[in-house]
Amino acid sequence: MIVWRRVSGLLSIVLYFFVMFRSIGCMLAENGRISGGAGMAVAVLMLAGGIISVKSGTRGRKGKIALIAVYGGAALIGFGFAVIAPGLCLWAVWCLFCSGLAVMSLIEEEKGGKGI
């Protein structure tokens, strides 16, 4: 799980820049939508999740719970605003996937295994 957390963390940090620049572009278009702000919120939460993933390393339960909360929040925002910004659905799926892996790892750890 440590390798996956680091890889997903680095991918989330890289994706942060793409999502942020795209959201800034939507905000500059001044089309009256709030999709740019929602995209920025998802991007910031992806960055936070990426940093937590990379820095949590071998820390157990607390790091996984933080990942579940941050990535889960980003997924909720992404799916909530996917109606007005369909591009957010892709980033919400990524965040939901990362959150799901953190949940599985937490459950495996509580069963007494080494985790994923």
PDB file of N, CA and C in Angstrom:
ATOM      1  N   MET A   1       0.825  -1.199   0.000  1.00  0.00           N
ATOM      2  CA  MET A   1       0.000   0.000   0.000  1.00  0.00           C
ATOM      3  C   MET A   1       0.862   1.252   0.000  1.00  0.00           C
ATOM      4  N   ILE A   2       2.040   1.156   0.571  1.00  0.00           N
ATOM      5  CA  ILE A   2       2.900   2.333   0.635  1.00  0.00           C
ATOM      6  C   ILE A   2       3.264   2.795  -0.774  1.00  0.00           C
ATOM      7  N   VAL A   3       3.578   1.830  -1.651  1.00  0.00           N
ATOM      8  CA  VAL A   3       3.932   2.187  -3.026  1.00  0.00           C
ATOM      9  C   VAL A   3       2.737   2.829  -3.717  1.00  0.00           C
ATOM     10  N   TRP A   4       1.550   2.234  -3.551  1.00  0.00           N
ATOM     11  CA  TRP A   4       0.365   2.798  -4.188  1.00  0.00           C
ATOM     12  C   TRP A   4       0.074   4.200  -3.668  1.00  0.00           C
ATOM     13  N   ARG A   5       0.211   4.401  -2.359  1.00  0.00           N
ATOM     14  CA  ARG A   5      -0.062   5.732  -1.816  1.00  0.00           C
ATOM     15  C   ARG A   5       0.896   6.761  -2.402  1.00  0.00           C
ATOM     16  N   ARG A   6       2.138   6.400  -2.542  1.00  0.00           N
ATOM     17  CA  ARG A   6       3.098   7.361  -3.109  1.00  0.00           C
ATOM     18  C   ARG A   6       2.813   7.630  -4.582  1.00  0.00           C
ATOM     19  N   VAL A   7       2.506   6.582  -5.336  1.00  0.00           N
ATOM     20  CA  VAL A   7       2.208   6.761  -6.763  1.00  0.00           C
ATOM     21  C   VAL A   7       0.937   7.585  -6.944  1.00  0.00           C
ATOM     22  N   SER A   8      -0.122   7.245  -6.215  1.00  0.00           N
ATOM     23  CA  SER A   8      -1.371   7.996  -6.353  1.00  0.00           C
ATOM     24  C   SER A   8      -1.203   9.425  -5.846  1.00  0.00           C
ATOM     25  N   GLY A   9      -0.372   9.611  -4.829  1.00  0.00           N
ATOM     26  CA  GLY A   9      -0.105  10.959  -4.337  1.00  0.00           C
ATOM     27  C   GLY A   9       0.593  11.811  -5.374  1.00  0.00           C
ATOM     28  N   LEU A  10       1.606  11.245  -6.015  1.00  0.00           N
ATOM     29  CA  LEU A  10       2.315  11.995  -7.063  1.00  0.00           C
ATOM     30  C   LEU A  10       1.410  12.269  -8.256  1.00  0.00           C
ATOM     31  N   LEU A  11       0.593  11.294  -8.632  1.00  0.00           N
ATOM     32  CA  LEU A  11      -0.353  11.526  -9.729  1.00  0.00           C
ATOM     33  C   LEU A  11      -1.364  12.605  -9.370  1.00  0.00           C
ATOM     34  N   SER A  12      -1.823  12.607  -8.136  1.00  0.00           N
ATOM     35  CA  SER A  12      -2.776  13.630  -7.704  1.00  0.00           C
ATOM     36  C   SER A  12      -2.146  15.020  -7.731  1.00  0.00           C
ATOM     37  N   ILE A  13      -0.890  15.110  -7.341  1.00  0.00           N
ATOM     38  CA  ILE A  13      -0.204  16.408  -7.369  1.00  0.00           C
ATOM     39  C   ILE A  13      -0.049  16.889  -8.802  1.00  0.00           C
ATOM     40  N   VAL A  14       0.299  15.991  -9.718  1.00  0.00           N
ATOM     41  CA  VAL A  14       0.432  16.373 -11.131  1.00  0.00           C
ATOM     42  C   VAL A  14      -0.930  16.757 -11.703  1.00  0.00           C
ATOM     43  N   LEU A  15      -1.966  15.971 -11.381  1.00  0.00           N
ATOM     44  CA  LEU A  15      -3.312  16.277 -11.884  1.00  0.00           C
ATOM     45  C   LEU A  15      -3.852  17.581 -11.315  1.00  0.00           C
ATOM     46  N   TYR A  16      -3.378  17.957 -10.131  1.00  0.00           N
ATOM     47  CA  TYR A  16      -3.796  19.225  -9.523  1.00  0.00           C
ATOM     48  C   TYR A  16      -3.538  20.390 -10.476  1.00  0.00           C
ATOM     49  N   PHE A  17      -2.348  20.418 -11.075  1.00  0.00           N
ATOM     50  CA  PHE A  17      -2.011  21.526 -11.963  1.00  0.00           C
ATOM     51  C   PHE A  17      -2.925  21.559 -13.183  1.00  0.00           C
ATOM     52  N   PHE A  18      -3.216  20.389 -13.737  1.00  0.00           N
ATOM     53  CA  PHE A  18      -4.097  20.342 -14.900  1.00  0.00           C
ATOM     54  C   PHE A  18      -5.503  20.821 -14.548  1.00  0.00           C
ATOM     55  N   VAL A  19      -6.049  20.306 -13.451  1.00  0.00           N
ATOM     56  CA  VAL A  19      -7.409  20.673 -13.051  1.00  0.00           C
ATOM     57  C   VAL A  19      -7.471  22.155 -12.673  1.00  0.00           C
ATOM     58  N   MET A  20      -6.450  22.650 -11.981  1.00  0.00           N
ATOM     59  CA  MET A  20      -6.448  24.053 -11.562  1.00  0.00           C
ATOM     60  C   MET A  20      -6.397  24.992 -12.764  1.00  0.00           C
ATOM     61  N   PHE A  21      -5.516  24.710 -13.726  1.00  0.00           N
ATOM     62  CA  PHE A  21      -5.433  25.589 -14.895  1.00  0.00           C
ATOM     63  C   PHE A  21      -6.712  25.532 -15.721  1.00  0.00           C
ATOM     64  N   ARG A  22      -7.319  24.375 -15.805  1.00  0.00           N
ATOM     65  CA  ARG A  22      -8.576  24.263 -16.535  1.00  0.00           C
ATOM     66  C   ARG A  22      -9.690  25.039 -15.825  1.00  0.00           C
ATOM     67  N   SER A  23      -9.694  24.974 -14.498  1.00  0.00           N
ATOM     68  CA  SER A  23     -10.714  25.695 -13.724  1.00  0.00           C
ATOM     69  C   SER A  23     -10.517  27.194 -13.816  1.00  0.00           C
ATOM     70  N   ILE A  24      -9.276  27.631 -13.809  1.00  0.00           N
ATOM     71  CA  ILE A  24      -8.997  29.062 -13.971  1.00  0.00           C
ATOM     72  C   ILE A  24      -9.469  29.529 -15.343  1.00  0.00           C
ATOM     73  N   GLY A  25      -9.270  28.684 -16.358  1.00  0.00           N
ATOM     74  CA  GLY A  25      -9.764  29.007 -17.700  1.00  0.00           C
ATOM     75  C   GLY A  25     -11.272  29.141 -17.738  1.00  0.00           C
ATOM     76  N   CYS A  26     -11.961  28.271 -17.015  1.00  0.00           N
ATOM     77  CA  CYS A  26     -13.434  28.358 -16.948  1.00  0.00           C
ATOM     78  C   CYS A  26     -13.869  29.631 -16.240  1.00  0.00           C
ATOM     79  N   MET A  27     -13.131  30.013 -15.203  1.00  0.00           N
ATOM     80  CA  MET A  27     -13.490  31.236 -14.480  1.00  0.00           C
ATOM     81  C   MET A  27     -13.235  32.477 -15.328  1.00  0.00           C
ATOM     82  N   LEU A  28     -12.173  32.454 -16.119  1.00  0.00           N
ATOM     83  CA  LEU A  28     -11.863  33.605 -16.962  1.00  0.00           C
ATOM     84  C   LEU A  28     -12.826  33.733 -18.133  1.00  0.00           C
ATOM     85  N   ALA A  29     -13.478  32.634 -18.508  1.00  0.00           N
ATOM     86  CA  ALA A  29     -14.436  32.675 -19.609  1.00  0.00           C
ATOM     87  C   ALA A  29     -15.663  33.504 -19.251  1.00  0.00           C
ATOM     88  N   GLU A  30     -15.914  33.702 -17.974  1.00  0.00           N
ATOM     89  CA  GLU A  30     -17.032  34.499 -17.480  1.00  0.00           C
ATOM     90  C   GLU A  30     -18.346  34.098 -18.148  1.00  0.00           C
ATOM     91  N   ASN A  31     -18.649  32.818 -18.081  1.00  0.00           N
ATOM     92  CA  ASN A  31     -19.882  32.327 -18.682  1.00  0.00           C
ATOM     93  C   ASN A  31     -21.027  32.257 -17.672  1.00  0.00           C
ATOM     94  N   GLY A  32     -20.827  32.784 -16.487  1.00  0.00           N
ATOM     95  CA  GLY A  32     -21.878  32.813 -15.482  1.00  0.00           C
ATOM     96  C   GLY A  32     -22.029  31.529 -14.691  1.00  0.00           C
ATOM     97  N   ARG A  33     -21.171  30.564 -14.924  1.00  0.00           N
ATOM     98  CA  ARG A  33     -21.253  29.294 -14.212  1.00  0.00           C
ATOM     99  C   ARG A  33     -20.325  29.309 -13.002  1.00  0.00           C
ATOM    100  N   ILE A  34     -20.585  28.392 -12.098  1.00  0.00           N
ATOM    101  CA  ILE A  34     -19.713  28.262 -10.936  1.00  0.00           C
ATOM    102  C   ILE A  34     -18.819  27.033 -11.051  1.00  0.00           C
ATOM    103  N   SER A  35     -18.739  26.477 -12.257  1.00  0.00           N
ATOM    104  CA  SER A  35     -17.951  25.267 -12.444  1.00  0.00           C
ATOM    105  C   SER A  35     -16.466  25.511 -12.197  1.00  0.00           C
ATOM    106  N   GLY A  36     -15.985  26.718 -12.455  1.00  0.00           N
ATOM    107  CA  GLY A  36     -14.585  27.018 -12.203  1.00  0.00           C
ATOM    108  C   GLY A  36     -14.241  26.954 -10.729  1.00  0.00           C
ATOM    109  N   GLY A  37     -15.121  27.467  -9.893  1.00  0.00           N
ATOM    110  CA  GLY A  37     -14.904  27.410  -8.445  1.00  0.00           C
ATOM    111  C   GLY A  37     -14.967  25.988  -7.909  1.00  0.00           C
ATOM    112  N   ALA A  38     -15.897  25.195  -8.438  1.00  0.00           N
ATOM    113  CA  ALA A  38     -15.993  23.796  -8.019  1.00  0.00           C
ATOM    114  C   ALA A  38     -14.757  23.022  -8.456  1.00  0.00           C
ATOM    115  N   GLY A  39     -14.278  23.298  -9.653  1.00  0.00           N
ATOM    116  CA  GLY A  39     -13.062  22.651 -10.128  1.00  0.00           C
ATOM    117  C   GLY A  39     -11.850  23.020  -9.289  1.00  0.00           C
ATOM    118  N   MET A  40     -11.796  24.276  -8.870  1.00  0.00           N
ATOM    119  CA  MET A  40     -10.687  24.695  -8.013  1.00  0.00           C
ATOM    120  C   MET A  40     -10.754  23.999  -6.656  1.00  0.00           C
ATOM    121  N   ALA A  41     -11.949  23.817  -6.121  1.00  0.00           N
ATOM    122  CA  ALA A  41     -12.099  23.120  -4.837  1.00  0.00           C
ATOM    123  C   ALA A  41     -11.652  21.665  -4.966  1.00  0.00           C
ATOM    124  N   VAL A  42     -12.042  21.005  -6.054  1.00  0.00           N
ATOM    125  CA  VAL A  42     -11.618  19.622  -6.278  1.00  0.00           C
ATOM    126  C   VAL A  42     -10.104  19.566  -6.444  1.00  0.00           C
ATOM    127  N   ALA A  43      -9.538  20.530  -7.168  1.00  0.00           N
ATOM    128  CA  ALA A  43      -8.092  20.546  -7.386  1.00  0.00           C
ATOM    129  C   ALA A  43      -7.328  20.718  -6.076  1.00  0.00           C
ATOM    130  N   VAL A  44      -7.790  21.622  -5.231  1.00  0.00           N
ATOM    131  CA  VAL A  44      -7.110  21.850  -3.948  1.00  0.00           C
ATOM    132  C   VAL A  44      -7.199  20.609  -3.067  1.00  0.00           C
ATOM    133  N   LEU A  45      -8.355  19.953  -3.054  1.00  0.00           N
ATOM    134  CA  LEU A  45      -8.485  18.727  -2.267  1.00  0.00           C
ATOM    135  C   LEU A  45      -7.638  17.598  -2.851  1.00  0.00           C
ATOM    136  N   MET A  46      -7.497  17.552  -4.176  1.00  0.00           N
ATOM    137  CA  MET A  46      -6.602  16.568  -4.779  1.00  0.00           C
ATOM    138  C   MET A  46      -5.160  16.826  -4.382  1.00  0.00           C
ATOM    139  N   LEU A  47      -4.775  18.089  -4.351  1.00  0.00           N
ATOM    140  CA  LEU A  47      -3.421  18.431  -3.919  1.00  0.00           C
ATOM    141  C   LEU A  47      -3.206  18.033  -2.466  1.00  0.00           C
ATOM    142  N   ALA A  48      -4.175  18.333  -1.613  1.00  0.00           N
ATOM    143  CA  ALA A  48      -4.073  17.961  -0.200  1.00  0.00           C
ATOM    144  C   ALA A  48      -3.992  16.443  -0.045  1.00  0.00           C
ATOM    145  N   GLY A  49      -4.813  15.717  -0.784  1.00  0.00           N
ATOM    146  CA  GLY A  49      -4.767  14.259  -0.735  1.00  0.00           C
ATOM    147  C   GLY A  49      -3.440  13.718  -1.234  1.00  0.00           C
ATOM    148  N   GLY A  50      -2.899  14.338  -2.275  1.00  0.00           N
ATOM    149  CA  GLY A  50      -1.602  13.907  -2.786  1.00  0.00           C
ATOM    150  C   GLY A  50      -0.489  14.120  -1.779  1.00  0.00           C
ATOM    151  N   ILE A  51      -0.509  15.260  -1.122  1.00  0.00           N
ATOM    152  CA  ILE A  51       0.508  15.540  -0.112  1.00  0.00           C
ATOM    153  C   ILE A  51       0.380  14.586   1.061  1.00  0.00           C
ATOM    154  N   ILE A  52      -0.849  14.342   1.505  1.00  0.00           N
ATOM    155  CA  ILE A  52      -1.061  13.400   2.607  1.00  0.00           C
ATOM    156  C   ILE A  52      -0.602  12.005   2.195  1.00  0.00           C
ATOM    157  N   SER A  53      -0.901  11.603   0.965  1.00  0.00           N
ATOM    158  CA  SER A  53      -0.492  10.282   0.491  1.00  0.00           C
ATOM    159  C   SER A  53       1.016  10.124   0.504  1.00  0.00           C
ATOM    160  N   VAL A  54       1.701  11.121   0.005  1.00  0.00           N
ATOM    161  CA  VAL A  54       3.157  11.026  -0.079  1.00  0.00           C
ATOM    162  C   VAL A  54       3.792  11.105   1.298  1.00  0.00           C
ATOM    163  N   LYS A  55       3.299  11.979   2.143  1.00  0.00           N
ATOM    164  CA  LYS A  55       3.926  12.203   3.448  1.00  0.00           C
ATOM    165  C   LYS A  55       3.510  11.214   4.517  1.00  0.00           C
ATOM    166  N   SER A  56       2.361  10.552   4.369  1.00  0.00           N
ATOM    167  CA  SER A  56       1.913   9.662   5.436  1.00  0.00           C
ATOM    168  C   SER A  56       2.772   8.410   5.533  1.00  0.00           C
ATOM    169  N   GLY A  57       3.331   7.960   4.422  1.00  0.00           N
ATOM    170  CA  GLY A  57       4.265   6.845   4.431  1.00  0.00           C
ATOM    171  C   GLY A  57       3.775   5.639   5.203  1.00  0.00           C
ATOM    172  N   THR A  58       4.443   5.315   6.293  1.00  0.00           N
ATOM    173  CA  THR A  58       4.110   4.121   7.059  1.00  0.00           C
ATOM    174  C   THR A  58       3.166   4.413   8.215  1.00  0.00           C
ATOM    175  N   ARG A  59       2.741   5.646   8.382  1.00  0.00           N
ATOM    176  CA  ARG A  59       1.769   5.938   9.445  1.00  0.00           C
ATOM    177  C   ARG A  59       0.506   5.160   9.181  1.00  0.00           C
ATOM    178  N   GLY A  60      -0.064   4.665  10.217  1.00  0.00           N
ATOM    179  CA  GLY A  60      -1.192   3.758  10.070  1.00  0.00           C
ATOM    180  C   GLY A  60      -2.523   4.421   9.871  1.00  0.00           C
ATOM    181  N   ARG A  61      -3.336   4.291  10.834  1.00  0.00           N
ATOM    182  CA  ARG A  61      -4.747   4.624  10.775  1.00  0.00           C
ATOM    183  C   ARG A  61      -5.041   6.087  10.484  1.00  0.00           C
ATOM    184  N   LYS A  62      -4.316   6.997  11.080  1.00  0.00           N
ATOM    185  CA  LYS A  62      -4.615   8.433  10.921  1.00  0.00           C
ATOM    186  C   LYS A  62      -4.445   8.902   9.485  1.00  0.00           C
ATOM    187  N   GLY A  63      -3.385   8.472   8.842  1.00  0.00           N
ATOM    188  CA  GLY A  63      -3.160   8.871   7.454  1.00  0.00           C
ATOM    189  C   GLY A  63      -4.231   8.341   6.525  1.00  0.00           C
ATOM    190  N   LYS A  64      -4.670   7.103   6.770  1.00  0.00           N
ATOM    191  CA  LYS A  64      -5.704   6.515   5.914  1.00  0.00           C
ATOM    192  C   LYS A  64      -7.049   7.199   6.117  1.00  0.00           C
ATOM    193  N   ILE A  65      -7.355   7.549   7.351  1.00  0.00           N
ATOM    194  CA  ILE A  65      -8.613   8.251   7.619  1.00  0.00           C
ATOM    195  C   ILE A  65      -8.590   9.635   6.979  1.00  0.00           C
ATOM    196  N   ALA A  66      -7.455  10.304   7.037  1.00  0.00           N
ATOM    197  CA  ALA A  66      -7.331  11.610   6.389  1.00  0.00           C
ATOM    198  C   ALA A  66      -7.491  11.487   4.879  1.00  0.00           C
ATOM    199  N   LEU A  67      -6.923  10.433   4.303  1.00  0.00           N
ATOM    200  CA  LEU A  67      -7.079  10.222   2.860  1.00  0.00           C
ATOM    201  C   LEU A  67      -8.535   9.972   2.484  1.00  0.00           C
ATOM    202  N   ILE A  68      -9.216   9.179   3.290  1.00  0.00           N
ATOM    203  CA  ILE A  68     -10.631   8.902   3.020  1.00  0.00           C
ATOM    204  C   ILE A  68     -11.440  10.196   3.060  1.00  0.00           C
ATOM    205  N   ALA A  69     -11.163  11.030   4.047  1.00  0.00           N
ATOM    206  CA  ALA A  69     -11.921  12.279   4.193  1.00  0.00           C
ATOM    207  C   ALA A  69     -11.629  13.256   3.054  1.00  0.00           C
ATOM    208  N   VAL A  70     -10.371  13.440   2.731  1.00  0.00           N
ATOM    209  CA  VAL A  70     -10.005  14.437   1.711  1.00  0.00           C
ATOM    210  C   VAL A  70     -10.443  13.986   0.322  1.00  0.00           C
ATOM    211  N   TYR A  71     -10.088  12.764  -0.051  1.00  0.00           N
ATOM    212  CA  TYR A  71     -10.484  12.283  -1.373  1.00  0.00           C
ATOM    213  C   TYR A  71     -12.004  12.099  -1.465  1.00  0.00           C
ATOM    214  N   GLY A  72     -12.636  11.675  -0.379  1.00  0.00           N
ATOM    215  CA  GLY A  72     -14.091  11.540  -0.374  1.00  0.00           C
ATOM    216  C   GLY A  72     -14.783  12.879  -0.550  1.00  0.00           C
ATOM    217  N   GLY A  73     -14.269  13.915   0.108  1.00  0.00           N
ATOM    218  CA  GLY A  73     -14.824  15.258  -0.063  1.00  0.00           C
ATOM    219  C   GLY A  73     -14.669  15.768  -1.483  1.00  0.00           C
ATOM    220  N   ALA A  74     -13.508  15.507  -2.066  1.00  0.00           N
ATOM    221  CA  ALA A  74     -13.295  15.918  -3.461  1.00  0.00           C
ATOM    222  C   ALA A  74     -14.237  15.180  -4.398  1.00  0.00           C
ATOM    223  N   ALA A  75     -14.471  13.894  -4.136  1.00  0.00           N
ATOM    224  CA  ALA A  75     -15.393  13.122  -4.972  1.00  0.00           C
ATOM    225  C   ALA A  75     -16.818  13.649  -4.840  1.00  0.00           C
ATOM    226  N   LEU A  76     -17.227  13.977  -3.623  1.00  0.00           N
ATOM    227  CA  LEU A  76     -18.577  14.517  -3.432  1.00  0.00           C
ATOM    228  C   LEU A  76     -18.765  15.836  -4.169  1.00  0.00           C
ATOM    229  N   ILE A  77     -17.792  16.718  -4.074  1.00  0.00           N
ATOM    230  CA  ILE A  77     -17.885  17.999  -4.782  1.00  0.00           C
ATOM    231  C   ILE A  77     -17.902  17.762  -6.285  1.00  0.00           C
ATOM    232  N   GLY A  78     -17.013  16.889  -6.753  1.00  0.00           N
ATOM    233  CA  GLY A  78     -16.945  16.613  -8.191  1.00  0.00           C
ATOM    234  C   GLY A  78     -18.236  16.039  -8.741  1.00  0.00           C
ATOM    235  N   PHE A  79     -18.798  15.044  -8.047  1.00  0.00           N
ATOM    236  CA  PHE A  79     -20.049  14.456  -8.519  1.00  0.00           C
ATOM    237  C   PHE A  79     -21.213  15.421  -8.346  1.00  0.00           C
ATOM    238  N   GLY A  80     -21.168  16.253  -7.324  1.00  0.00           N
ATOM    239  CA  GLY A  80     -22.240  17.217  -7.098  1.00  0.00           C
ATOM    240  C   GLY A  80     -22.331  18.267  -8.192  1.00  0.00           C
ATOM    241  N   PHE A  81     -21.195  18.676  -8.719  1.00  0.00           N
ATOM    242  CA  PHE A  81     -21.178  19.701  -9.758  1.00  0.00           C
ATOM    243  C   PHE A  81     -20.978  19.119 -11.150  1.00  0.00           C
ATOM    244  N   ALA A  82     -21.030  17.804 -11.292  1.00  0.00           N
ATOM    245  CA  ALA A  82     -20.825  17.177 -12.598  1.00  0.00           C
ATOM    246  C   ALA A  82     -21.943  17.510 -13.579  1.00  0.00           C
ATOM    247  N   VAL A  83     -23.088  17.935 -13.073  1.00  0.00           N
ATOM    248  CA  VAL A  83     -24.204  18.300 -13.953  1.00  0.00           C
ATOM    249  C   VAL A  83     -23.857  19.542 -14.764  1.00  0.00           C
ATOM    250  N   ILE A  84     -23.213  20.530 -14.117  1.00  0.00           N
ATOM    251  CA  ILE A  84     -22.880  21.767 -14.835  1.00  0.00           C
ATOM    252  C   ILE A  84     -21.472  21.753 -15.395  1.00  0.00           C
ATOM    253  N   ALA A  85     -20.642  20.836 -14.921  1.00  0.00           N
ATOM    254  CA  ALA A  85     -19.270  20.718 -15.425  1.00  0.00           C
ATOM    255  C   ALA A  85     -18.940  19.237 -15.589  1.00  0.00           C
ATOM    256  N   PRO A  86     -19.272  18.662 -16.734  1.00  0.00           N
ATOM    257  CA  PRO A  86     -19.078  17.221 -16.927  1.00  0.00           C
ATOM    258  C   PRO A  86     -17.628  16.763 -16.764  1.00  0.00           C
ATOM    259  N   GLY A  87     -16.676  17.632 -16.970  1.00  0.00           N
ATOM    260  CA  GLY A  87     -15.274  17.264 -16.807  1.00  0.00           C
ATOM    261  C   GLY A  87     -14.907  16.916 -15.377  1.00  0.00           C
ATOM    262  N   LEU A  88     -15.661  17.439 -14.428  1.00  0.00           N
ATOM    263  CA  LEU A  88     -15.381  17.143 -13.020  1.00  0.00           C
ATOM    264  C   LEU A  88     -15.678  15.696 -12.671  1.00  0.00           C
ATOM    265  N   CYS A  89     -16.499  15.040 -13.448  1.00  0.00           N
ATOM    266  CA  CYS A  89     -16.845  13.650 -13.168  1.00  0.00           C
ATOM    267  C   CYS A  89     -15.604  12.761 -13.256  1.00  0.00           C
ATOM    268  N   LEU A  90     -14.727  13.016 -14.192  1.00  0.00           N
ATOM    269  CA  LEU A  90     -13.497  12.238 -14.327  1.00  0.00           C
ATOM    270  C   LEU A  90     -12.620  12.370 -13.092  1.00  0.00           C
ATOM    271  N   TRP A  91     -12.456  13.582 -12.602  1.00  0.00           N
ATOM    272  CA  TRP A  91     -11.606  13.804 -11.423  1.00  0.00           C
ATOM    273  C   TRP A  91     -12.281  13.255 -10.175  1.00  0.00           C
ATOM    274  N   ALA A  92     -13.609  13.285 -10.142  1.00  0.00           N
ATOM    275  CA  ALA A  92     -14.343  12.718  -9.011  1.00  0.00           C
ATOM    276  C   ALA A  92     -14.169  11.200  -8.964  1.00  0.00           C
ATOM    277  N   VAL A  93     -14.143  10.560 -10.124  1.00  0.00           N
ATOM    278  CA  VAL A  93     -13.923   9.110 -10.174  1.00  0.00           C
ATOM    279  C   VAL A  93     -12.523   8.772  -9.657  1.00  0.00           C
ATOM    280  N   TRP A  94     -11.515   9.554 -10.054  1.00  0.00           N
ATOM    281  CA  TRP A  94     -10.154   9.344  -9.563  1.00  0.00           C
ATOM    282  C   TRP A  94     -10.107   9.474  -8.030  1.00  0.00           C
ATOM    283  N   CYS A  95     -10.741  10.497  -7.514  1.00  0.00           N
ATOM    284  CA  CYS A  95     -10.741  10.711  -6.062  1.00  0.00           C
ATOM    285  C   CYS A  95     -11.503   9.602  -5.341  1.00  0.00           C
ATOM    286  N   LEU A  96     -12.615   9.145  -5.915  1.00  0.00           N
ATOM    287  CA  LEU A  96     -13.374   8.053  -5.320  1.00  0.00           C
ATOM    288  C   LEU A  96     -12.560   6.765  -5.323  1.00  0.00           C
ATOM    289  N   PHE A  97     -11.808   6.526  -6.380  1.00  0.00           N
ATOM    290  CA  PHE A  97     -10.942   5.352  -6.465  1.00  0.00           C
ATOM    291  C   PHE A  97      -9.868   5.386  -5.380  1.00  0.00           C
ATOM    292  N   CYS A  98      -9.223   6.531  -5.209  1.00  0.00           N
ATOM    293  CA  CYS A  98      -8.187   6.668  -4.172  1.00  0.00           C
ATOM    294  C   CYS A  98      -8.791   6.521  -2.778  1.00  0.00           C
ATOM    295  N   SER A  99      -9.952   7.073  -2.567  1.00  0.00           N
ATOM    296  CA  SER A  99     -10.625   6.948  -1.277  1.00  0.00           C
ATOM    297  C   SER A  99     -11.020   5.494  -1.018  1.00  0.00           C
ATOM    298  N   GLY A 100     -11.497   4.812  -2.023  1.00  0.00           N
ATOM    299  CA  GLY A 100     -11.871   3.415  -1.885  1.00  0.00           C
ATOM    300  C   GLY A 100     -10.685   2.530  -1.527  1.00  0.00           C
ATOM    301  N   LEU A 101      -9.541   2.792  -2.145  1.00  0.00           N
ATOM    302  CA  LEU A 101      -8.352   2.024  -1.800  1.00  0.00           C
ATOM    303  C   LEU A 101      -7.909   2.288  -0.363  1.00  0.00           C
ATOM    304  N   ALA A 102      -8.064   3.508   0.099  1.00  0.00           N
ATOM    305  CA  ALA A 102      -7.720   3.813   1.488  1.00  0.00           C
ATOM    306  C   ALA A 102      -8.668   3.094   2.449  1.00  0.00           C
ATOM    307  N   VAL A 103      -9.957   3.001   2.081  1.00  0.00           N
ATOM    308  CA  VAL A 103     -10.927   2.277   2.907  1.00  0.00           C
ATOM    309  C   VAL A 103     -10.569   0.798   2.955  1.00  0.00           C
ATOM    310  N   MET A 104     -10.251   0.214   1.800  1.00  0.00           N
ATOM    311  CA  MET A 104      -9.888  -1.200   1.769  1.00  0.00           C
ATOM    312  C   MET A 104      -8.633  -1.470   2.592  1.00  0.00           C
ATOM    313  N   SER A 105      -7.677  -0.580   2.508  1.00  0.00           N
ATOM    314  CA  SER A 105      -6.452  -0.743   3.280  1.00  0.00           C
ATOM    315  C   SER A 105      -6.718  -0.636   4.779  1.00  0.00           C
ATOM    316  N   LEU A 106      -7.593   0.276   5.159  1.00  0.00           N
ATOM    317  CA  LEU A 106      -7.946   0.440   6.568  1.00  0.00           C
ATOM    318  C   LEU A 106      -8.665  -0.804   7.097  1.00  0.00           C
ATOM    319  N   ILE A 107      -9.575  -1.355   6.317  1.00  0.00           N
ATOM    320  CA  ILE A 107     -10.299  -2.565   6.716  1.00  0.00           C
ATOM    321  C   ILE A 107      -9.339  -3.745   6.826  1.00  0.00           C
ATOM    322  N   GLU A 108      -8.442  -3.871   5.869  1.00  0.00           N
ATOM    323  CA  GLU A 108      -7.459  -4.965   5.904  1.00  0.00           C
ATOM    324  C   GLU A 108      -6.540  -4.852   7.123  1.00  0.00           C
ATOM    325  N   GLU A 109      -6.168  -3.630   7.451  1.00  0.00           N
ATOM    326  CA  GLU A 109      -5.308  -3.421   8.613  1.00  0.00           C
ATOM    327  C   GLU A 109      -6.016  -3.792   9.909  1.00  0.00           C
ATOM    328  N   GLU A 110      -7.305  -3.470   9.990  1.00  0.00           N
ATOM    329  CA  GLU A 110      -8.071  -3.801  11.198  1.00  0.00           C
ATOM    330  C   GLU A 110      -8.312  -5.294  11.343  1.00  0.00           C
ATOM    331  N   LYS A 111      -8.333  -6.023  10.214  1.00  0.00           N
ATOM    332  CA  LYS A 111      -8.487  -7.468  10.286  1.00  0.00           C
ATOM    333  C   LYS A 111      -7.207  -8.154  10.757  1.00  0.00           C
ATOM    334  N   GLY A 112      -6.129  -7.402  10.779  1.00  0.00           N
ATOM    335  CA  GLY A 112      -4.875  -7.988  11.225  1.00  0.00           C
ATOM    336  C   GLY A 112      -3.886  -8.243  10.117  1.00  0.00           C
ATOM    337  N   GLY A 113      -4.227  -7.863   8.914  1.00  0.00           N
ATOM    338  CA  GLY A 113      -3.307  -8.046   7.792  1.00  0.00           C
ATOM    339  C   GLY A 113      -2.334  -6.896   7.706  1.00  0.00           C
ATOM    340  N   LYS A 114      -1.496  -6.962   6.700  1.00  0.00           N
ATOM    341  CA  LYS A 114      -0.497  -5.895   6.505  1.00  0.00           C
ATOM    342  C   LYS A 114      -1.066  -4.734   5.712  1.00  0.00           C
ATOM    343  N   GLY A 115      -2.230  -4.860   5.203  1.00  0.00           N
ATOM    344  CA  GLY A 115      -2.816  -3.816   4.358  1.00  0.00           C
ATOM    345  C   GLY A 115      -2.555  -4.115   2.915  1.00  0.00           C
ATOM    346  N   ILE A 116      -3.080  -3.292   2.066  1.00  0.00           N
ATOM    347  CA  ILE A 116      -2.937  -3.491   0.627  1.00  0.00           C
ATOM    348  C   ILE A 116      -1.605  -2.946   0.186  1.00  0.00           C
TER     349      ILE A 116
END
